[in-house]
């Protein structure tokens, strides 16, 4: 009986240590070697420094200082063109876990007489080598372009451009952060890893559950990871992080793991149809102004923007309003914030929009135009299908001021003209329905 009690106490103690202790996780030690290639030394040094800066910003590694690298490599007569085996031996000498080494495969420029600038082009190859095994884990090939009135600057810009764009995203995918969930308290979870591995507040992680499946015919048992939730980091300790659930399809358990979402933002293309309660025109009839209220003008909108799913989005907005005899085009910017009503599926939205409106009227032998502005605020709902991966449907009620399109109207030559409709006012309220596609 005493043995059983002792075993239970020991088991509980082990569970406590696993779940609540804060062990220290060592980050991988990484060295960045100078680039090789048949290019001047300044460009090869510049490429190595740029790669070092990117890895430093990434925050995932313990980087060996460039000065220390230079000192040790000088002592060993290191050459950037040495073999992979010699490079690995250099990594062992530096006590590095990983080595980043690269070469500049192309660096050239030519004079473009049309724009009176030099156009530079560069090509690089970056290898990620695991020192212990000697394996080349990843090979990154990138091309960059740059232009300048100065030839040397165009070459530097082209070389820097090789590291722009999706280079950082690719590194994040390769070295995606992960951890084990240690505590679940309602919508708040804690998991191992924190500042020690470069985790920052606001980062998102997908929650994964390992499930096993038996294949009797093949006599094998295989593990699969199933995504069951999404969390956002709200606090970061030295080696523990606290995150809030954005959505979950199953209850989160202690044995579940998390994996970093390397590019959480989505690009969106959205189509909307809207109708407001009225618009007012002031027309000239026999030299007398007549005000007329019209019902339900329709608007078609095309929007392109970026979204952090379940939180906020921003759009560039292009719209056209269907009004007889007058064509009205809107160009504006829109911001939208979301609050959950049903997590991962349905959200309350609050949006604001402002922009310019340009109206055209056809005269007998020319076109008259007028410029105005508008403000719009709205609230409604947003429905996600297949969560962040699928399309969205938006519904909102809005109120707007303007656009108020008033004289002067100008013709093609910039002269003031007097068209039949002098004023338009779209101030009112209405309803919009939209369909968005992420890509």
Protein backbone atom coordinates (compact mmCIF):
# COMPACT_ATOMS: atom_id res chain seq x y z
CA UNK A 1 0.00 0.00 0.00
CA UNK A 2 2.86 2.33 0.89
CA UNK A 3 4.54 1.48 -2.42
CA UNK A 4 1.36 2.35 -4.32
CA UNK A 5 1.08 5.70 -2.53
CA UNK A 6 4.73 6.46 -3.20
CA UNK A 7 4.30 5.61 -6.88
CA UNK A 8 1.26 7.87 -7.15
CA UNK A 9 3.10 10.76 -5.48
CA UNK A 10 6.09 10.26 -7.79
CA UNK A 11 3.83 10.17 -10.85
CA UNK A 12 2.04 13.37 -9.80
CA UNK A 13 5.38 15.06 -9.19
CA UNK A 14 6.60 14.11 -12.67
CA UNK A 15 3.38 15.42 -14.24
CA UNK A 16 3.77 18.69 -12.34
CA UNK A 17 7.37 19.12 -13.47
CA UNK A 18 6.45 18.39 -17.09
CA UNK A 19 3.45 20.70 -17.13
CA UNK A 20 4.57 23.63 -15.01
CA UNK A 21 8.33 23.73 -14.81
CA UNK A 22 10.20 26.09 -17.11
CA UNK A 23 13.08 24.19 -18.62
CA UNK A 24 15.76 26.01 -20.56
CA UNK A 25 15.80 25.28 -24.29
CA UNK A 26 19.05 25.88 -26.13
CA UNK A 27 18.73 27.65 -29.43
CA UNK A 28 20.67 26.30 -32.36
CA UNK A 29 24.07 27.92 -32.82
CA UNK A 30 24.41 29.21 -36.36
CA UNK A 31 27.30 30.55 -38.39
CA UNK A 32 27.07 32.60 -41.58
CA UNK A 33 30.03 32.15 -43.89
CA UNK A 34 31.16 34.68 -46.47
CA UNK A 35 29.69 34.21 -49.92
CA UNK A 36 31.73 32.73 -52.72
CA UNK A 37 31.64 33.54 -56.41
CA UNK A 38 33.65 35.35 -59.04
CA UNK A 39 32.64 38.81 -57.86
CA UNK A 40 34.51 41.58 -56.03
CA UNK A 41 35.01 41.05 -52.30
CA UNK A 42 32.76 43.98 -51.30
CA UNK A 43 29.72 42.30 -52.89
CA UNK A 44 30.44 38.93 -51.29
CA UNK A 45 30.86 40.58 -47.88
CA UNK A 46 27.68 42.59 -48.44
CA UNK A 47 25.71 39.41 -49.21
CA UNK A 48 27.01 37.68 -46.08
CA UNK A 49 26.18 40.70 -43.91
CA UNK A 50 22.68 40.93 -45.40
CA UNK A 51 21.99 37.26 -44.68
CA UNK A 52 23.33 37.67 -41.13
CA UNK A 53 21.01 40.67 -40.60
CA UNK A 54 17.97 38.70 -41.82
CA UNK A 55 18.72 35.78 -39.49
CA UNK A 56 19.21 38.22 -36.62
CA UNK A 57 15.81 39.82 -37.31
CA UNK A 58 14.26 36.35 -37.50
CA UNK A 59 15.35 35.80 -33.90
CA UNK A 60 15.36 32.00 -34.02
CA UNK A 61 19.09 31.34 -33.59
CA UNK A 62 22.19 32.06 -31.54
CA UNK A 63 24.33 33.65 -34.22
CA UNK A 64 28.11 33.55 -34.09
CA UNK A 65 29.28 37.16 -34.41
CA UNK A 66 30.71 38.06 -37.80
CA UNK A 67 33.89 39.41 -36.17
CA UNK A 68 34.42 36.13 -34.30
CA UNK A 69 33.78 34.18 -37.50
CA UNK A 70 36.31 36.31 -39.39
CA UNK A 71 38.95 35.85 -36.69
CA UNK A 72 38.61 32.06 -36.50
CA UNK A 73 38.39 31.61 -40.26
CA UNK A 74 41.47 33.76 -40.79
CA UNK A 75 43.40 31.57 -38.37
CA UNK A 76 42.34 28.48 -40.33
CA UNK A 77 42.95 30.07 -43.76
CA UNK A 78 39.30 29.49 -44.69
CA UNK A 79 38.34 29.96 -48.34
CA UNK A 80 34.75 30.55 -49.49
CA UNK A 81 35.40 28.18 -52.37
CA UNK A 82 36.41 25.23 -50.19
CA UNK A 83 34.63 21.88 -50.42
CA UNK A 84 31.51 20.92 -48.47
CA UNK A 85 33.58 18.56 -46.30
CA UNK A 86 35.97 21.37 -45.39
CA UNK A 87 33.03 23.70 -44.71
CA UNK A 88 31.52 21.12 -42.33
CA UNK A 89 34.84 20.78 -40.54
CA UNK A 90 34.88 24.57 -40.16
CA UNK A 91 31.40 24.40 -38.62
CA UNK A 92 32.54 21.80 -36.10
CA UNK A 93 35.50 23.97 -35.21
CA UNK A 94 33.06 26.84 -34.54
CA UNK A 95 30.80 24.50 -32.48
CA UNK A 96 27.92 25.46 -34.80
CA UNK A 97 24.78 23.37 -35.30
CA UNK A 98 23.96 24.91 -38.67
CA UNK A 99 25.96 26.75 -41.29
CA UNK A 100 24.59 29.16 -43.87
CA UNK A 101 26.87 29.43 -46.86
CA UNK A 102 26.22 30.89 -50.27
CA UNK A 103 27.61 32.06 -53.55
CA UNK A 104 26.87 34.86 -55.98
CA UNK A 105 26.19 33.11 -59.26
CA UNK A 106 25.45 36.23 -61.31
CA UNK A 107 26.04 39.96 -60.93
CA UNK A 108 25.76 42.23 -63.94
CA UNK A 109 24.23 45.50 -65.12
CA UNK A 110 23.50 47.28 -68.38
CA UNK A 111 22.60 50.83 -69.35
CA UNK A 112 18.93 51.38 -70.25
CA UNK A 113 18.86 54.38 -72.57
CA UNK A 114 15.06 54.66 -72.38
CA UNK A 115 15.01 55.46 -68.66
CA UNK A 116 18.61 56.68 -68.45
CA UNK A 117 19.48 54.25 -65.65
CA UNK A 118 21.60 51.17 -65.06
CA UNK A 119 19.63 47.96 -64.60
CA UNK A 120 21.33 45.42 -62.35
CA UNK A 121 20.64 41.70 -62.08
CA UNK A 122 21.94 39.31 -59.42
CA UNK A 123 21.57 35.61 -58.68
CA UNK A 124 22.49 33.85 -55.44
CA UNK A 125 22.47 30.34 -54.01
CA UNK A 126 22.21 29.76 -50.25
CA UNK A 127 22.88 26.38 -48.63
CA UNK A 128 21.77 25.41 -45.13
CA UNK A 129 24.08 22.69 -43.81
CA UNK A 130 23.58 20.56 -40.71
CA UNK A 131 27.06 20.31 -39.22
CA UNK A 132 26.58 17.10 -37.23
CA UNK A 133 25.41 15.00 -40.19
CA UNK A 134 27.00 16.98 -43.02
CA UNK A 135 23.67 17.08 -44.87
CA UNK A 136 22.61 20.01 -47.01
CA UNK A 137 19.15 20.54 -45.52
CA UNK A 138 17.93 23.21 -47.91
CA UNK A 139 19.04 24.99 -51.04
CA UNK A 140 17.62 28.45 -51.76
CA UNK A 141 18.05 30.01 -55.20
CA UNK A 142 17.03 33.63 -55.69
CA UNK A 143 17.24 36.30 -58.39
CA UNK A 144 17.11 40.04 -57.75
CA UNK A 145 16.91 43.24 -59.78
CA UNK A 146 17.76 46.88 -59.15
CA UNK A 147 18.14 50.13 -61.05
CA UNK A 148 20.06 53.34 -60.43
CA UNK A 149 21.86 56.13 -62.23
CA UNK A 150 25.02 54.73 -60.64
CA UNK A 151 26.23 51.37 -61.96
CA UNK A 152 27.71 50.12 -58.67
CA UNK A 153 24.58 51.08 -56.75
CA UNK A 154 22.41 49.17 -59.25
CA UNK A 155 24.49 46.06 -58.52
CA UNK A 156 24.11 46.49 -54.74
CA UNK A 157 20.35 47.03 -55.11
CA UNK A 158 20.02 43.90 -57.26
CA UNK A 159 21.96 41.88 -54.68
CA UNK A 160 19.78 43.19 -51.81
CA UNK A 161 16.67 42.38 -53.83
CA UNK A 162 17.68 38.70 -53.81
CA UNK A 163 16.95 38.69 -50.07
CA UNK A 164 13.65 40.60 -50.35
CA UNK A 165 10.13 39.35 -50.95
CA UNK A 166 9.51 35.77 -49.87
CA UNK A 167 13.07 35.02 -48.69
CA UNK A 168 12.18 35.68 -45.04
CA UNK A 169 8.88 33.80 -45.46
CA UNK A 170 10.74 30.79 -46.85
CA UNK A 171 13.11 30.79 -43.87
CA UNK A 172 10.14 30.93 -41.51
CA UNK A 173 8.60 27.94 -43.27
CA UNK A 174 11.84 25.97 -42.98
CA UNK A 175 12.36 26.82 -39.31
CA UNK A 176 8.73 27.08 -38.19
CA UNK A 177 8.53 27.35 -34.41
CA UNK A 178 6.67 24.71 -32.44
CA UNK A 179 6.02 23.66 -28.87
CA UNK A 180 4.06 21.40 -26.54
CA UNK A 181 0.97 22.63 -24.70
CA UNK A 182 1.57 22.60 -20.94
CA UNK A 183 -1.59 24.20 -19.59
CA UNK A 184 -5.18 24.80 -20.72
CA UNK A 185 -7.39 27.27 -18.85
CA UNK A 186 -10.56 28.03 -20.79
CA UNK A 187 -9.57 30.08 -23.84
CA UNK A 188 -5.99 30.52 -22.59
CA UNK A 189 -3.24 27.98 -23.25
CA UNK A 190 0.46 27.88 -22.36
CA UNK A 191 3.15 26.12 -24.34
CA UNK A 192 6.89 25.53 -24.09
CA UNK A 193 9.20 27.99 -25.89
CA UNK A 194 9.23 31.75 -25.58
CA UNK A 195 11.76 34.56 -25.88
CA UNK A 196 14.50 31.93 -25.95
CA UNK A 197 13.39 30.95 -29.47
CA UNK A 198 12.30 34.39 -30.65
CA UNK A 199 8.55 34.04 -30.10
CA UNK A 200 6.82 37.42 -30.06
CA UNK A 201 3.47 38.74 -28.92
CA UNK A 202 0.91 38.62 -31.74
CA UNK A 203 2.36 35.55 -33.47
CA UNK A 204 -0.14 32.89 -34.46
CA UNK A 205 0.17 29.13 -34.02
CA UNK A 206 -2.01 26.31 -35.28
CA UNK A 207 -2.91 23.66 -32.70
CA UNK A 208 -2.16 20.12 -33.87
CA UNK A 209 -3.23 16.73 -32.56
CA UNK A 210 -1.37 13.55 -33.42
CA UNK A 211 -3.69 10.75 -34.51
CA UNK A 212 -2.66 7.21 -35.39
CA UNK A 213 -4.12 5.05 -38.12
CA UNK A 214 -3.63 1.33 -38.60
CA UNK A 215 -3.07 -0.12 -42.06
CA UNK A 216 -3.63 -3.83 -41.39
CA UNK A 217 -2.87 -4.98 -44.93
CA UNK A 218 0.53 -3.26 -44.85
CA UNK A 219 1.01 -4.05 -41.15
CA UNK A 220 2.01 -0.49 -40.35
CA UNK A 221 0.79 2.17 -37.95
CA UNK A 222 1.16 5.76 -39.15
CA UNK A 223 0.84 9.06 -37.29
CA UNK A 224 -1.02 12.02 -38.81
CA UNK A 225 -1.32 15.55 -37.49
CA UNK A 226 -4.76 17.10 -37.50
CA UNK A 227 -5.31 20.85 -37.14
CA UNK A 228 -7.85 21.44 -34.38
CA UNK A 229 -7.39 25.10 -33.50
CA UNK A 230 -5.66 28.44 -33.90
CA UNK A 231 -4.13 30.61 -31.16
CA UNK A 232 -2.52 34.04 -30.91
CA UNK A 233 0.30 34.77 -28.47
CA UNK A 234 -0.66 37.35 -25.82
CA UNK A 235 2.35 37.09 -23.47
CA UNK A 236 5.88 35.72 -23.77
CA UNK A 237 8.19 34.51 -21.01
CA UNK A 238 11.77 33.32 -21.25
CA UNK A 239 10.79 29.79 -22.29
CA UNK A 240 6.99 29.70 -21.97
CA UNK A 241 4.34 31.49 -24.02
CA UNK A 242 0.71 32.26 -23.25
CA UNK A 243 -1.81 32.36 -26.10
CA UNK A 244 -5.53 32.93 -26.59
CA UNK A 245 -7.73 30.61 -28.63
CA UNK A 246 -9.05 32.12 -31.84
CA UNK A 247 -11.01 28.97 -32.71
CA UNK A 248 -10.96 25.27 -31.91
CA UNK A 249 -12.90 22.33 -33.33
CA UNK A 250 -12.10 19.99 -30.41
CA UNK A 251 -11.21 20.53 -26.74
CA UNK A 252 -7.49 21.30 -26.39
CA UNK A 253 -5.48 18.68 -24.47
CA UNK A 254 -2.07 18.80 -22.80
CA UNK A 255 -0.48 16.40 -25.28
CA UNK A 256 -1.40 18.63 -28.24
CA UNK A 257 1.30 20.66 -29.97
CA UNK A 258 1.49 24.05 -31.66
CA UNK A 259 3.21 25.07 -34.89
CA UNK A 260 3.87 28.61 -36.09
CA UNK A 261 1.72 30.09 -38.85
CA UNK A 262 4.51 31.60 -40.92
CA UNK A 263 2.38 33.99 -43.01
CA UNK A 264 -0.93 34.57 -41.20
CA UNK A 265 -2.09 37.47 -43.38
CA UNK A 266 -4.24 36.75 -46.42
CA UNK A 267 -4.74 38.71 -49.61
CA UNK A 268 -8.41 39.20 -50.45
CA UNK A 269 -10.36 39.97 -53.59
CA UNK A 270 -13.90 41.08 -52.79
CA UNK A 271 -17.03 41.79 -54.83
CA UNK A 272 -19.93 43.78 -53.34
CA UNK A 273 -23.40 44.89 -54.33
CA UNK A 274 -25.03 47.69 -52.37
CA UNK A 275 -28.17 49.80 -52.35
CA UNK A 276 -28.90 52.98 -50.39
CA UNK A 277 -32.25 54.44 -49.46
CA UNK A 278 -32.06 57.48 -51.78
CA UNK A 279 -30.06 60.09 -53.62
CA UNK A 280 -30.99 63.65 -54.49
CA UNK A 281 -30.47 65.53 -57.75
CA UNK A 282 -30.86 69.19 -58.56
CA UNK A 283 -31.65 69.66 -62.24
CA UNK A 284 -32.14 72.71 -64.42
CA UNK A 285 -35.51 72.84 -66.17
CA UNK A 286 -36.34 76.00 -68.08
CA UNK A 287 -33.73 77.90 -66.03
CA UNK A 288 -35.34 76.71 -62.78
CA UNK A 289 -33.67 74.37 -60.27
CA UNK A 290 -35.74 71.32 -59.37
CA UNK A 291 -34.78 68.96 -56.52
CA UNK A 292 -35.80 65.33 -56.94
CA UNK A 293 -35.34 62.40 -54.52
CA UNK A 294 -34.61 59.06 -56.18
CA UNK A 295 -34.90 55.63 -54.56
CA UNK A 296 -32.42 52.79 -54.17
CA UNK A 297 -29.38 53.62 -56.30
CA UNK A 298 -27.34 50.45 -56.85
CA UNK A 299 -23.56 50.32 -56.43
CA UNK A 300 -21.08 47.68 -57.61
CA UNK A 301 -17.77 47.52 -55.76
CA UNK A 302 -14.49 45.73 -56.38
CA UNK A 303 -12.05 45.63 -53.46
CA UNK A 304 -8.50 44.37 -53.11
CA UNK A 305 -6.78 44.19 -49.75
CA UNK A 306 -5.12 42.30 -46.93
CA UNK A 307 -6.67 40.56 -43.96
CA UNK A 308 -5.53 39.14 -40.66
CA UNK A 309 -8.31 36.54 -40.39
CA UNK A 310 -10.74 36.90 -37.50
CA UNK A 311 -9.27 40.28 -36.50
CA UNK A 312 -9.05 43.07 -39.09
CA UNK A 313 -8.70 43.90 -42.78
CA UNK A 314 -7.91 46.81 -45.08
CA UNK A 315 -8.98 47.41 -48.68
CA UNK A 316 -8.49 49.59 -51.71
CA UNK A 317 -11.99 50.19 -53.00
CA UNK A 318 -13.21 50.84 -56.57
CA UNK A 319 -16.94 51.33 -57.11
CA UNK A 320 -19.48 52.50 -59.64
CA UNK A 321 -22.97 53.84 -58.87
CA UNK A 322 -25.83 53.27 -61.27
CA UNK A 323 -27.47 56.67 -61.84
CA UNK A 324 -29.37 57.62 -65.03
CA UNK A 325 -27.55 60.16 -67.25
CA UNK A 326 -24.64 60.45 -64.77
CA UNK A 327 -21.76 58.01 -64.23
CA UNK A 328 -20.29 58.09 -60.71
CA UNK A 329 -17.04 56.28 -59.83
CA UNK A 330 -15.70 55.94 -56.28
CA UNK A 331 -12.08 55.31 -55.27
CA UNK A 332 -11.43 54.89 -51.57
CA UNK A 333 -9.79 53.04 -48.70
CA UNK A 334 -11.59 50.92 -46.11
CA UNK A 335 -10.69 49.46 -42.73
CA UNK A 336 -12.65 46.79 -40.88
CA UNK A 337 -12.42 45.32 -37.36
CA UNK A 338 -13.95 42.01 -36.27
CA UNK A 339 -15.28 40.60 -33.00
CA UNK A 340 -16.30 36.94 -32.61
CA UNK A 341 -19.91 35.85 -32.28
CA UNK A 342 -19.14 32.21 -33.17
CA UNK A 343 -15.38 31.64 -33.12
CA UNK A 344 -13.89 30.64 -36.44
CA UNK A 345 -17.21 31.05 -38.24
CA UNK A 346 -19.27 34.22 -37.66
CA UNK A 347 -18.02 37.68 -36.63
CA UNK A 348 -19.48 41.12 -35.95
CA UNK A 349 -17.76 43.75 -38.09
CA UNK A 350 -17.31 47.49 -37.73
CA UNK A 351 -15.96 49.33 -40.78
CA UNK A 352 -15.07 52.80 -41.99
CA UNK A 353 -14.40 54.05 -45.50
CA UNK A 354 -13.42 57.31 -47.14
CA UNK A 355 -12.56 58.29 -50.67
CA UNK A 356 -13.12 60.41 -53.74
CA UNK A 357 -15.99 60.34 -56.22
CA UNK A 358 -15.71 61.37 -59.86
CA UNK A 359 -18.90 62.01 -61.86
CA UNK A 360 -19.36 62.37 -65.62
CA UNK A 361 -22.26 63.76 -67.66
CA UNK A 362 -22.54 63.68 -71.42
CA UNK A 363 -23.27 67.05 -73.02
CA UNK A 364 -24.16 67.64 -76.66
CA UNK A 365 -20.59 67.41 -77.93
CA UNK A 366 -18.40 66.89 -74.86
CA UNK A 367 -18.23 65.43 -71.34
CA UNK A 368 -18.58 67.33 -68.08
CA UNK A 369 -16.92 66.10 -64.89
CA UNK A 370 -17.07 66.92 -61.19
CA UNK A 371 -15.11 65.76 -58.12
CA UNK A 372 -16.43 65.08 -54.61
CA UNK A 373 -15.66 63.03 -51.52
CA UNK A 374 -17.53 60.69 -49.21
CA UNK A 375 -17.38 59.14 -45.73
CA UNK A 376 -19.01 55.85 -44.80
CA UNK A 377 -19.34 53.82 -41.59
CA UNK A 378 -21.06 50.49 -41.18
CA UNK A 379 -21.65 47.46 -39.04
CA UNK A 380 -22.69 43.93 -39.86
CA UNK A 381 -21.60 40.32 -39.99
CA UNK A 382 -18.88 38.27 -41.66
CA UNK A 383 -19.12 34.54 -42.25
CA UNK A 384 -16.03 32.35 -42.80
CA UNK A 385 -16.32 29.10 -44.76
CA UNK A 386 -13.61 26.52 -43.98
CA UNK A 387 -12.26 29.10 -41.55
CA UNK A 388 -9.33 31.15 -42.91
CA UNK A 389 -8.85 28.93 -45.97
CA UNK A 390 -12.27 29.38 -47.59
CA UNK A 391 -14.36 32.27 -48.97
CA UNK A 392 -16.13 34.85 -46.82
CA UNK A 393 -19.58 36.42 -47.06
CA UNK A 394 -20.08 39.94 -45.72
CA UNK A 395 -23.31 41.72 -44.87
CA UNK A 396 -23.41 45.25 -43.48
CA UNK A 397 -25.72 48.18 -42.89
CA UNK A 398 -24.03 51.52 -43.53
CA UNK A 399 -24.56 55.22 -43.24
CA UNK A 400 -22.73 57.62 -45.50
CA UNK A 401 -22.11 61.30 -46.00
CA UNK A 402 -21.79 62.20 -49.66
CA UNK A 403 -20.50 62.13 -52.15
CA UNK A 404 -21.92 65.60 -52.73
CA UNK A 405 -21.20 66.51 -56.32
CA UNK A 406 -21.68 70.25 -56.82
CA UNK A 407 -20.57 72.88 -59.36
CA UNK A 408 -18.27 73.72 -60.93
CA UNK A 409 -18.51 71.08 -63.65
CA UNK A 410 -15.61 71.11 -66.08
CA UNK A 411 -15.44 70.06 -69.71
CA UNK A 412 -12.55 68.26 -71.43
CA UNK A 413 -10.64 71.54 -71.77
CA UNK A 414 -11.11 72.53 -68.12
CA UNK A 415 -13.76 75.16 -68.82
CA UNK A 416 -16.78 75.56 -66.55
CA UNK A 417 -20.00 74.25 -68.10
CA UNK A 418 -23.64 73.97 -67.04
CA UNK A 419 -25.00 70.43 -67.49
CA UNK A 420 -28.64 69.51 -66.96
CA UNK A 421 -27.99 67.97 -63.53
CA UNK A 422 -26.16 70.48 -61.36
CA UNK A 423 -25.95 68.68 -58.01
CA UNK A 424 -26.04 65.12 -56.70
CA UNK A 425 -26.09 64.07 -53.06
CA UNK A 426 -25.82 60.42 -52.01
CA UNK A 427 -26.02 61.05 -48.24
CA UNK A 428 -28.16 58.36 -46.62
CA UNK A 429 -28.02 54.77 -45.41
CA UNK A 430 -28.13 51.38 -47.09
CA UNK A 431 -27.24 47.70 -47.23
CA UNK A 432 -24.26 45.89 -48.82
CA UNK A 433 -23.63 42.20 -49.51
CA UNK A 434 -20.15 41.00 -50.44
CA UNK A 435 -18.23 37.85 -51.36
CA UNK A 436 -14.47 37.62 -50.67
CA UNK A 437 -11.90 35.13 -51.95
CA UNK A 438 -8.53 34.67 -50.15
CA UNK A 439 -5.39 33.97 -52.15
